[in-house]
PDB file of N, CA and C in Angstrom:
ATOM      1  N   MET A   1      55.447 115.813  22.023  1.00  0.00           N
ATOM      2  CA  MET A   1      54.588 116.300  23.201  1.00  0.00           C
ATOM      3  C   MET A   1      54.542 115.126  24.103  1.00  0.00           C
ATOM      4  N   LYS A   2      54.673 115.484  25.251  1.00  0.00           N
ATOM      5  CA  LYS A   2      54.371 114.342  26.394  1.00  0.00           C
ATOM      6  C   LYS A   2      53.511 114.962  27.555  1.00  0.00           C
ATOM      7  N   TYR A   3      52.693 114.181  27.881  1.00  0.00           N
ATOM      8  CA  TYR A   3      51.787 114.282  29.148  1.00  0.00           C
ATOM      9  C   TYR A   3      51.887 113.494  30.350  1.00  0.00           C
ATOM     10  N   GLY A   4      52.181 114.042  31.321  1.00  0.00           N
ATOM     11  CA  GLY A   4      52.084 113.138  32.700  1.00  0.00           C
ATOM     12  C   GLY A   4      51.080 113.208  33.568  1.00  0.00           C
ATOM     13  N   PHE A   5      50.425 112.438  34.199  1.00  0.00           N
ATOM     14  CA  PHE A   5      49.381 112.638  35.139  1.00  0.00           C
ATOM     15  C   PHE A   5      49.560 111.775  36.588  1.00  0.00           C
ATOM     16  N   LEU A   6      49.477 112.523  37.392  1.00  0.00           N
ATOM     17  CA  LEU A   6      49.301 111.666  38.833  1.00  0.00           C
ATOM     18  C   LEU A   6      47.958 111.770  39.473  1.00  0.00           C
ATOM     19  N   LEU A   7      47.683 110.390  39.792  1.00  0.00           N
ATOM     20  CA  LEU A   7      46.307 109.980  40.406  1.00  0.00           C
ATOM     21  C   LEU A   7      46.425 109.798  41.710  1.00  0.00           C
ATOM     22  N   THR A   8      45.904 110.488  42.689  1.00  0.00           N
ATOM     23  CA  THR A   8      46.068 110.147  44.263  1.00  0.00           C
ATOM     24  C   THR A   8      44.704 109.806  44.827  1.00  0.00           C
ATOM     25  N   HIS A   9      43.455 109.622  44.029  1.00  0.00           N
ATOM     26  CA  HIS A   9      42.212 109.600  44.481  1.00  0.00           C
ATOM     27  C   HIS A   9      41.586 108.101  43.917  1.00  0.00           C
ATOM     28  N   GLY A  10      40.742 107.486  44.434  1.00  0.00           N
ATOM     29  CA  GLY A  10      40.371 106.304  44.238  1.00  0.00           C
ATOM     30  C   GLY A  10      39.295 106.212  43.175  1.00  0.00           C
ATOM     31  N   PRO A  11      38.999 104.655  42.640  1.00  0.00           N
ATOM     32  CA  PRO A  11      38.150 104.897  41.325  1.00  0.00           C
ATOM     33  C   PRO A  11      36.807 105.375  41.589  1.00  0.00           C
ATOM     34  N   LEU A  12      36.032 105.948  42.688  1.00  0.00           N
ATOM     35  CA  LEU A  12      34.685 106.481  42.519  1.00  0.00           C
ATOM     36  C   LEU A  12      34.941 108.116  42.801  1.00  0.00           C
ATOM     37  N   SER A  13      36.278 108.723  42.636  1.00  0.00           N
ATOM     38  CA  SER A  13      36.113 110.163  42.442  1.00  0.00           C
ATOM     39  C   SER A  13      36.071 110.770  41.579  1.00  0.00           C
ATOM     40  N   ALA A  14      35.612 112.025  41.252  1.00  0.00           N
ATOM     41  CA  ALA A  14      35.756 112.876  40.289  1.00  0.00           C
ATOM     42  C   ALA A  14      37.201 112.973  39.457  1.00  0.00           C
ATOM     43  N   GLU A  15      38.070 112.852  40.511  1.00  0.00           N
ATOM     44  CA  GLU A  15      39.407 113.003  40.002  1.00  0.00           C
ATOM     45  C   GLU A  15      39.897 111.996  38.986  1.00  0.00           C
ATOM     46  N   CYS A  16      39.476 110.752  39.398  1.00  0.00           N
ATOM     47  CA  CYS A  16      39.729 109.669  38.771  1.00  0.00           C
ATOM     48  C   CYS A  16      38.980 109.694  37.576  1.00  0.00           C
ATOM     49  N   GLU A  17      37.791 109.968  37.468  1.00  0.00           N
ATOM     50  CA  GLU A  17      37.029 110.227  36.124  1.00  0.00           C
ATOM     51  C   GLU A  17      37.695 111.092  35.110  1.00  0.00           C
ATOM     52  N   SER A  18      38.196 112.236  35.749  1.00  0.00           N
ATOM     53  CA  SER A  18      38.895 113.157  34.805  1.00  0.00           C
ATOM     54  C   SER A  18      40.164 112.880  34.340  1.00  0.00           C
ATOM     55  N   VAL A  19      40.931 112.066  35.152  1.00  0.00           N
ATOM     56  CA  VAL A  19      42.553 111.578  34.639  1.00  0.00           C
ATOM     57  C   VAL A  19      41.962 110.366  33.578  1.00  0.00           C
ATOM     58  N   LEU A  20      40.950 109.583  33.750  1.00  0.00           N
ATOM     59  CA  LEU A  20      40.759 108.753  32.678  1.00  0.00           C
ATOM     60  C   LEU A  20      40.458 109.242  31.321  1.00  0.00           C
ATOM     61  N   ALA A  21      39.535 110.119  31.522  1.00  0.00           N
ATOM     62  CA  ALA A  21      39.157 110.906  30.223  1.00  0.00           C
ATOM     63  C   ALA A  21      40.202 111.643  29.744  1.00  0.00           C
ATOM     64  N   LEU A  22      41.071 112.584  30.724  1.00  0.00           N
ATOM     65  CA  LEU A  22      41.923 113.346  29.702  1.00  0.00           C
ATOM     66  C   LEU A  22      42.972 112.331  29.446  1.00  0.00           C
ATOM     67  N   ALA A  23      43.548 111.440  30.092  1.00  0.00           N
ATOM     68  CA  ALA A  23      44.561 110.467  29.553  1.00  0.00           C
ATOM     69  C   ALA A  23      44.273 109.644  28.208  1.00  0.00           C
ATOM     70  N   SER A  24      43.188 109.414  28.389  1.00  0.00           N
ATOM     71  CA  SER A  24      42.518 108.539  26.956  1.00  0.00           C
ATOM     72  C   SER A  24      42.422 109.412  25.835  1.00  0.00           C
ATOM     73  N   ALA A  25      41.998 110.779  25.940  1.00  0.00           N
ATOM     74  CA  ALA A  25      41.821 111.843  24.819  1.00  0.00           C
ATOM     75  C   ALA A  25      43.239 112.025  24.261  1.00  0.00           C
ATOM     76  N   ALA A  26      44.205 112.368  25.203  1.00  0.00           N
ATOM     77  CA  ALA A  26      45.634 112.474  25.033  1.00  0.00           C
ATOM     78  C   ALA A  26      46.213 111.354  24.179  1.00  0.00           C
ATOM     79  N   ALA A  27      45.967 110.232  24.711  1.00  0.00           N
ATOM     80  CA  ALA A  27      46.402 109.006  24.011  1.00  0.00           C
ATOM     81  C   ALA A  27      45.884 109.034  22.437  1.00  0.00           C
ATOM     82  N   LYS A  28      44.640 109.124  22.392  1.00  0.00           N
ATOM     83  CA  LYS A  28      43.901 109.025  20.948  1.00  0.00           C
ATOM     84  C   LYS A  28      44.503 110.109  20.266  1.00  0.00           C
ATOM     85  N   LYS A  29      44.844 111.256  20.857  1.00  0.00           N
ATOM     86  CA  LYS A  29      45.244 112.424  19.540  1.00  0.00           C
ATOM     87  C   LYS A  29      47.013 111.930  19.506  1.00  0.00           C
ATOM     88  N   GLY A  30      47.582 110.901  19.915  1.00  0.00           N
ATOM     89  CA  GLY A  30      48.844 110.502  19.788  1.00  0.00           C
ATOM     90  C   GLY A  30      49.853 111.106  20.486  1.00  0.00           C
ATOM     91  N   ILE A  31      49.341 111.509  21.628  1.00  0.00           N
ATOM     92  CA  ILE A  31      50.219 112.392  22.546  1.00  0.00           C
ATOM     93  C   ILE A  31      51.137 111.255  23.516  1.00  0.00           C
ATOM     94  N   ASP A  32      52.163 111.103  23.816  1.00  0.00           N
ATOM     95  CA  ASP A  32      52.767 110.293  24.747  1.00  0.00           C
ATOM     96  C   ASP A  32      52.453 110.563  25.927  1.00  0.00           C
ATOM     97  N   THR A  33      51.592 109.529  26.747  1.00  0.00           N
ATOM     98  CA  THR A  33      51.013 109.955  27.921  1.00  0.00           C
ATOM     99  C   THR A  33      51.526 108.774  28.862  1.00  0.00           C
ATOM    100  N   GLU A  34      51.614 109.394  30.186  1.00  0.00           N
ATOM    101  CA  GLU A  34      52.201 108.400  31.493  1.00  0.00           C
ATOM    102  C   GLU A  34      51.353 109.091  32.412  1.00  0.00           C
ATOM    103  N   LEU A  35      50.737 107.715  33.208  1.00  0.00           N
ATOM    104  CA  LEU A  35      49.957 107.981  34.322  1.00  0.00           C
ATOM    105  C   LEU A  35      50.781 107.499  35.774  1.00  0.00           C
ATOM    106  N   PHE A  36      50.851 108.050  36.504  1.00  0.00           N
ATOM    107  CA  PHE A  36      51.544 107.508  37.761  1.00  0.00           C
ATOM    108  C   PHE A  36      50.292 107.334  39.094  1.00  0.00           C
ATOM    109  N   VAL A  37      49.994 106.278  39.433  1.00  0.00           N
ATOM    110  CA  VAL A  37      49.065 106.199  40.539  1.00  0.00           C
ATOM    111  C   VAL A  37      49.754 105.810  41.880  1.00  0.00           C
ATOM    112  N   MET A  38      49.138 106.542  42.812  1.00  0.00           N
ATOM    113  CA  MET A  38      49.668 106.307  44.232  1.00  0.00           C
ATOM    114  C   MET A  38      48.685 106.782  45.323  1.00  0.00           C
ATOM    115  N   VAL A  39      48.843 106.594  46.678  1.00  0.00           N
ATOM    116  CA  VAL A  39      48.163 106.768  47.775  1.00  0.00           C
ATOM    117  C   VAL A  39      46.793 105.954  47.213  1.00  0.00           C
ATOM    118  N   ASP A  40      45.526 106.451  47.305  1.00  0.00           N
ATOM    119  CA  ASP A  40      44.334 105.871  47.250  1.00  0.00           C
ATOM    120  C   ASP A  40      43.999 105.549  45.601  1.00  0.00           C
ATOM    121  N   GLY A  41      44.863 106.175  44.783  1.00  0.00           N
ATOM    122  CA  GLY A  41      44.930 105.778  43.448  1.00  0.00           C
ATOM    123  C   GLY A  41      45.099 104.232  43.136  1.00  0.00           C
ATOM    124  N   GLY A  42      45.870 103.841  43.894  1.00  0.00           N
ATOM    125  CA  GLY A  42      46.093 102.268  44.011  1.00  0.00           C
ATOM    126  C   GLY A  42      44.997 101.368  43.820  1.00  0.00           C
ATOM    127  N   TYR A  43      44.112 102.077  44.284  1.00  0.00           N
ATOM    128  CA  TYR A  43      42.687 101.119  44.396  1.00  0.00           C
ATOM    129  C   TYR A  43      42.248 101.065  42.987  1.00  0.00           C
ATOM    130  N   THR A  44      42.783 101.963  41.759  1.00  0.00           N
ATOM    131  CA  THR A  44      42.251 101.847  40.579  1.00  0.00           C
ATOM    132  C   THR A  44      42.835 100.752  39.731  1.00  0.00           C
ATOM    133  N   LEU A  45      43.789 100.138  40.418  1.00  0.00           N
ATOM    134  CA  LEU A  45      44.574  99.050  39.448  1.00  0.00           C
ATOM    135  C   LEU A  45      43.697  97.867  39.328  1.00  0.00           C
ATOM    136  N   SER A  46      42.492  97.759  39.781  1.00  0.00           N
ATOM    137  CA  SER A  46      41.954  96.742  39.586  1.00  0.00           C
ATOM    138  C   SER A  46      40.464  97.008  38.708  1.00  0.00           C
ATOM    139  N   ASP A  47      40.537  98.184  38.579  1.00  0.00           N
ATOM    140  CA  ASP A  47      39.281  98.774  37.881  1.00  0.00           C
ATOM    141  C   ASP A  47      39.490  98.574  36.118  1.00  0.00           C
ATOM    142  N   ALA A  48      38.705  97.974  35.639  1.00  0.00           N
ATOM    143  CA  ALA A  48      38.295  97.833  34.145  1.00  0.00           C
ATOM    144  C   ALA A  48      38.822  98.899  33.527  1.00  0.00           C
ATOM    145  N   ARG A  49      38.572 100.081  33.909  1.00  0.00           N
ATOM    146  CA  ARG A  49      38.488 101.211  33.004  1.00  0.00           C
ATOM    147  C   ARG A  49      40.144 101.714  32.918  1.00  0.00           C
ATOM    148  N   MET A  50      40.859 101.462  34.106  1.00  0.00           N
ATOM    149  CA  MET A  50      42.343 101.446  34.246  1.00  0.00           C
ATOM    150  C   MET A  50      43.065 100.512  33.205  1.00  0.00           C
ATOM    151  N   GLU A  51      42.774  99.335  33.225  1.00  0.00           N
ATOM    152  CA  GLU A  51      43.213  98.489  32.325  1.00  0.00           C
ATOM    153  C   GLU A  51      43.098  98.704  30.972  1.00  0.00           C
ATOM    154  N   SER A  52      41.980  99.351  30.572  1.00  0.00           N
ATOM    155  CA  SER A  52      41.476  99.493  29.142  1.00  0.00           C
ATOM    156  C   SER A  52      42.597 100.571  28.836  1.00  0.00           C
ATOM    157  N   LEU A  53      42.667 101.726  29.692  1.00  0.00           N
ATOM    158  CA  LEU A  53      43.595 102.792  29.482  1.00  0.00           C
ATOM    159  C   LEU A  53      44.917 102.372  29.192  1.00  0.00           C
ATOM    160  N   ALA A  54      45.381 101.602  30.209  1.00  0.00           N
ATOM    161  CA  ALA A  54      46.692 100.873  29.986  1.00  0.00           C
ATOM    162  C   ALA A  54      47.047 100.264  28.597  1.00  0.00           C
ATOM    163  N   GLY A  55      45.971  99.345  28.369  1.00  0.00           N
ATOM    164  CA  GLY A  55      45.715  99.000  26.850  1.00  0.00           C
ATOM    165  C   GLY A  55      45.736  99.822  25.517  1.00  0.00           C
ATOM    166  N   SER A  56      45.566 101.112  25.903  1.00  0.00           N
ATOM    167  CA  SER A  56      45.285 101.971  24.569  1.00  0.00           C
ATOM    168  C   SER A  56      46.411 102.693  24.605  1.00  0.00           C
ATOM    169  N   GLY A  57      47.625 102.127  25.106  1.00  0.00           N
ATOM    170  CA  GLY A  57      48.914 103.016  24.961  1.00  0.00           C
ATOM    171  C   GLY A  57      49.410 104.028  25.998  1.00  0.00           C
ATOM    172  N   VAL A  58      48.750 104.098  27.165  1.00  0.00           N
ATOM    173  CA  VAL A  58      49.111 105.039  28.110  1.00  0.00           C
ATOM    174  C   VAL A  58      49.956 104.100  29.094  1.00  0.00           C
ATOM    175  N   LYS A  59      51.257 104.429  29.325  1.00  0.00           N
ATOM    176  CA  LYS A  59      52.176 103.816  30.266  1.00  0.00           C
ATOM    177  C   LYS A  59      51.609 104.116  31.731  1.00  0.00           C
ATOM    178  N   VAL A  60      51.036 103.144  32.590  1.00  0.00           N
ATOM    179  CA  VAL A  60      50.524 103.282  33.803  1.00  0.00           C
ATOM    180  C   VAL A  60      51.615 102.658  34.864  1.00  0.00           C
ATOM    181  N   THR A  61      52.122 103.666  35.572  1.00  0.00           N
ATOM    182  CA  THR A  61      53.263 103.199  36.745  1.00  0.00           C
ATOM    183  C   THR A  61      52.632 103.496  38.083  1.00  0.00           C
ATOM    184  N   TYR A  62      52.732 102.328  39.081  1.00  0.00           N
ATOM    185  CA  TYR A  62      52.250 102.533  40.315  1.00  0.00           C
ATOM    186  C   TYR A  62      53.052 102.461  41.391  1.00  0.00           C
ATOM    187  N   CYS A  63      52.851 103.286  42.388  1.00  0.00           N
ATOM    188  CA  CYS A  63      53.751 103.016  43.647  1.00  0.00           C
ATOM    189  C   CYS A  63      53.573 101.844  44.486  1.00  0.00           C
ATOM    190  N   PHE A  64      54.624 101.105  44.328  1.00  0.00           N
ATOM    191  CA  PHE A  64      54.469  99.842  45.031  1.00  0.00           C
ATOM    192  C   PHE A  64      54.025  99.874  46.258  1.00  0.00           C
ATOM    193  N   HIS A  65      54.860 100.617  47.202  1.00  0.00           N
ATOM    194  CA  HIS A  65      54.574 100.769  48.771  1.00  0.00           C
ATOM    195  C   HIS A  65      53.356 101.016  48.753  1.00  0.00           C
ATOM    196  N   ASN A  66      52.610 101.895  48.145  1.00  0.00           N
ATOM    197  CA  ASN A  66      51.298 102.428  48.401  1.00  0.00           C
ATOM    198  C   ASN A  66      50.370 101.453  48.279  1.00  0.00           C
ATOM    199  N   ALA A  67      50.541 100.670  46.912  1.00  0.00           N
ATOM    200  CA  ALA A  67      49.572  99.586  46.821  1.00  0.00           C
ATOM    201  C   ALA A  67      49.683  98.490  47.892  1.00  0.00           C
ATOM    202  N   GLU A  68      51.155  98.287  48.269  1.00  0.00           N
ATOM    203  CA  GLU A  68      50.990  97.210  49.143  1.00  0.00           C
ATOM    204  C   GLU A  68      50.329  97.417  50.367  1.00  0.00           C
ATOM    205  N   GLU A  69      50.478  98.665  50.978  1.00  0.00           N
ATOM    206  CA  GLU A  69      49.816  99.133  51.941  1.00  0.00           C
ATOM    207  C   GLU A  69      48.204  98.915  51.911  1.00  0.00           C
ATOM    208  N   ARG A  70      47.720  99.127  51.045  1.00  0.00           N
ATOM    209  CA  ARG A  70      46.313  99.176  50.611  1.00  0.00           C
ATOM    210  C   ARG A  70      45.942  97.946  50.015  1.00  0.00           C
ATOM    211  N   LYS A  71      46.731  96.728  49.819  1.00  0.00           N
ATOM    212  CA  LYS A  71      46.562  95.409  49.517  1.00  0.00           C
ATOM    213  C   LYS A  71      45.827  95.474  48.153  1.00  0.00           C
ATOM    214  N   SER A  72      46.342  96.208  47.184  1.00  0.00           N
ATOM    215  CA  SER A  72      46.059  96.586  45.689  1.00  0.00           C
ATOM    216  C   SER A  72      46.940  96.316  44.914  1.00  0.00           C
ATOM    217  N   VAL A  73      48.126  95.450  45.359  1.00  0.00           N
ATOM    218  CA  VAL A  73      49.044  95.140  44.264  1.00  0.00           C
ATOM    219  C   VAL A  73      48.630  94.106  43.235  1.00  0.00           C
ATOM    220  N   PRO A  74      48.646  94.842  41.762  1.00  0.00           N
ATOM    221  CA  PRO A  74      48.156  94.149  40.888  1.00  0.00           C
ATOM    222  C   PRO A  74      48.697  92.666  40.580  1.00  0.00           C
ATOM    223  N   PRO A  75      48.150  91.736  40.093  1.00  0.00           N
ATOM    224  CA  PRO A  75      48.816  90.419  39.848  1.00  0.00           C
ATOM    225  C   PRO A  75      49.743  90.470  38.670  1.00  0.00           C
ATOM    226  N   GLU A  76      50.668  89.304  38.706  1.00  0.00           N
ATOM    227  CA  GLU A  76      51.526  89.497  37.707  1.00  0.00           C
ATOM    228  C   GLU A  76      50.939  89.248  36.161  1.00  0.00           C
ATOM    229  N   GLY A  77      51.466  89.854  35.129  1.00  0.00           N
ATOM    230  CA  GLY A  77      50.755  90.053  33.916  1.00  0.00           C
ATOM    231  C   GLY A  77      49.852  91.142  33.541  1.00  0.00           C
ATOM    232  N   THR A  78      49.712  91.957  34.337  1.00  0.00           N
ATOM    233  CA  THR A  78      48.955  93.228  34.245  1.00  0.00           C
ATOM    234  C   THR A  78      49.815  94.024  33.314  1.00  0.00           C
ATOM    235  N   PRO A  79      49.369  95.146  32.544  1.00  0.00           N
ATOM    236  CA  PRO A  79      50.015  95.911  31.948  1.00  0.00           C
ATOM    237  C   PRO A  79      50.954  97.125  32.744  1.00  0.00           C
ATOM    238  N   TYR A  80      50.787  97.045  34.003  1.00  0.00           N
ATOM    239  CA  TYR A  80      51.299  98.173  34.755  1.00  0.00           C
ATOM    240  C   TYR A  80      52.830  97.864  35.081  1.00  0.00           C
ATOM    241  N   VAL A  81      53.438  99.134  35.495  1.00  0.00           N
ATOM    242  CA  VAL A  81      54.861  99.111  36.047  1.00  0.00           C
ATOM    243  C   VAL A  81      54.843  99.472  37.369  1.00  0.00           C
ATOM    244  N   GLN A  82      55.614  98.521  37.926  1.00  0.00           N
ATOM    245  CA  GLN A  82      55.797  98.874  39.414  1.00  0.00           C
ATOM    246  C   GLN A  82      57.053  99.855  39.598  1.00  0.00           C
ATOM    247  N   GLY A  83      56.898 100.916  40.399  1.00  0.00           N
ATOM    248  CA  GLY A  83      57.647 102.008  40.934  1.00  0.00           C
ATOM    249  C   GLY A  83      57.308 102.689  42.172  1.00  0.00           C
ATOM    250  N   GLY A  84      58.054 103.610  42.317  1.00  0.00           N
ATOM    251  CA  GLY A  84      57.930 104.764  43.518  1.00  0.00           C
ATOM    252  C   GLY A  84      58.462 106.135  43.160  1.00  0.00           C
ATOM    253  N   ILE A  85      58.653 106.858  43.909  1.00  0.00           N
ATOM    254  CA  ILE A  85      59.055 108.393  44.020  1.00  0.00           C
ATOM    255  C   ILE A  85      60.008 108.383  42.770  1.00  0.00           C
ATOM    256  N   PRO A  86      61.004 107.740  42.696  1.00  0.00           N
ATOM    257  CA  PRO A  86      62.118 107.867  41.596  1.00  0.00           C
ATOM    258  C   PRO A  86      61.479 107.972  40.222  1.00  0.00           C
ATOM    259  N   GLU A  87      60.564 106.860  39.904  1.00  0.00           N
ATOM    260  CA  GLU A  87      59.871 106.943  38.521  1.00  0.00           C
ATOM    261  C   GLU A  87      59.047 107.983  38.411  1.00  0.00           C
ATOM    262  N   LEU A  88      58.033 108.375  39.574  1.00  0.00           N
ATOM    263  CA  LEU A  88      57.466 109.743  39.324  1.00  0.00           C
ATOM    264  C   LEU A  88      58.254 110.791  38.879  1.00  0.00           C
ATOM    265  N   SER A  89      59.468 111.003  39.643  1.00  0.00           N
ATOM    266  CA  SER A  89      60.077 112.304  39.497  1.00  0.00           C
ATOM    267  C   SER A  89      60.759 112.321  38.046  1.00  0.00           C
ATOM    268  N   GLY A  90      60.896 110.856  37.493  1.00  0.00           N
ATOM    269  CA  GLY A  90      61.592 110.737  36.166  1.00  0.00           C
ATOM    270  C   GLY A  90      60.172 111.347  35.054  1.00  0.00           C
ATOM    271  N   ILE A  91      59.103 110.895  35.457  1.00  0.00           N
ATOM    272  CA  ILE A  91      57.982 111.200  34.660  1.00  0.00           C
ATOM    273  C   ILE A  91      57.914 112.736  34.667  1.00  0.00           C
ATOM    274  N   MET A  92      57.907 113.620  35.759  1.00  0.00           N
ATOM    275  CA  MET A  92      57.777 114.916  35.922  1.00  0.00           C
ATOM    276  C   MET A  92      58.960 115.618  35.178  1.00  0.00           C
ATOM    277  N   ALA A  93      60.097 115.210  35.239  1.00  0.00           N
ATOM    278  CA  ALA A  93      61.110 115.599  34.496  1.00  0.00           C
ATOM    279  C   ALA A  93      61.378 115.495  32.985  1.00  0.00           C
ATOM    280  N   GLU A  94      60.388 114.660  32.535  1.00  0.00           N
ATOM    281  CA  GLU A  94      60.468 114.336  30.956  1.00  0.00           C
ATOM    282  C   GLU A  94      59.216 114.584  30.495  1.00  0.00           C
ATOM    283  N   CYS A  95      58.101 114.947  30.976  1.00  0.00           N
ATOM    284  CA  CYS A  95      56.921 115.367  30.387  1.00  0.00           C
ATOM    285  C   CYS A  95      57.106 116.962  30.004  1.00  0.00           C
ATOM    286  N   ASP A  96      55.921 117.295  29.038  1.00  0.00           N
ATOM    287  CA  ASP A  96      55.987 118.759  28.670  1.00  0.00           C
ATOM    288  C   ASP A  96      54.723 119.384  29.500  1.00  0.00           C
ATOM    289  N   ARG A  97      53.947 118.680  29.885  1.00  0.00           N
ATOM    290  CA  ARG A  97      52.883 119.188  30.854  1.00  0.00           C
ATOM    291  C   ARG A  97      52.575 118.068  31.851  1.00  0.00           C
ATOM    292  N   PHE A  98      52.426 118.360  33.212  1.00  0.00           N
ATOM    293  CA  PHE A  98      52.296 117.467  34.036  1.00  0.00           C
ATOM    294  C   PHE A  98      50.911 117.853  34.885  1.00  0.00           C
ATOM    295  N   PHE A  99      49.825 116.969  34.996  1.00  0.00           N
ATOM    296  CA  PHE A  99      48.717 117.318  35.717  1.00  0.00           C
ATOM    297  C   PHE A  99      48.645 116.294  36.878  1.00  0.00           C
ATOM    298  N   SER A 100      48.165 117.151  38.177  1.00  0.00           N
ATOM    299  CA  SER A 100      48.089 116.266  39.484  1.00  0.00           C
ATOM    300  C   SER A 100      46.647 116.277  39.799  1.00  0.00           C
ATOM    301  N   PHE A 101      46.292 115.102  40.145  1.00  0.00           N
ATOM    302  CA  PHE A 101      44.751 114.865  40.677  1.00  0.00           C
ATOM    303  C   PHE A 101      44.923 114.244  41.768  1.00  0.00           C
TER     304      PHE A 101
END
């Protein structure tokens, strides 16, 4: 079983809270979980909760173009994967369930 999540809202949004909680719960249950962040979701890359999520086994990929536009590109050494629409498409194609927030 594999779950995919898309987050397009910032760190103070209810959507962000939901994604963090759902992705964390899925990972704790042993479900292969991937999260793609883009648009204002890029602002979450500096959020400690997102770093914790990435450290718990959730693969977090971010849209480099959106992060660059918002000046939120994470520094080297973070647990995130740089990507774009092709990576998002791959996540969508590979997962059993896809959730968009």
